[in-house]
Amino acid sequence: YIKNVKPASQGCVTDE
């Protein structure tokens, strides 16, 4: 599942 969503400036969605 998505545990952390970062803004586009950071550039990523972490789904592990």
Protein backbone atom coordinates (compact mmCIF):
# COMPACT_ATOMS: atom_id res chain seq x y z
CA TYR A 1 0.00 0.00 0.00
CA ILE A 2 1.00 3.65 -0.28
CA LYS A 3 2.64 4.56 2.99
CA ASN A 4 4.01 7.95 2.01
CA VAL A 5 2.99 10.40 -0.70
CA LYS A 6 5.44 13.16 -1.53
CA PRO A 7 4.77 16.31 -3.60
CA ALA A 8 5.95 16.56 -7.21
CA SER A 9 8.94 18.62 -6.06
CA GLN A 10 10.17 15.54 -4.24
CA GLY A 11 9.04 13.48 -7.19
CA CYS A 12 7.72 10.20 -5.81
CA VAL A 13 5.06 8.00 -4.38
CA THR A 14 6.46 5.30 -2.13
CA ASP A 15 4.41 2.13 -2.39
CA GLU A 16 6.23 -0.85 -0.92
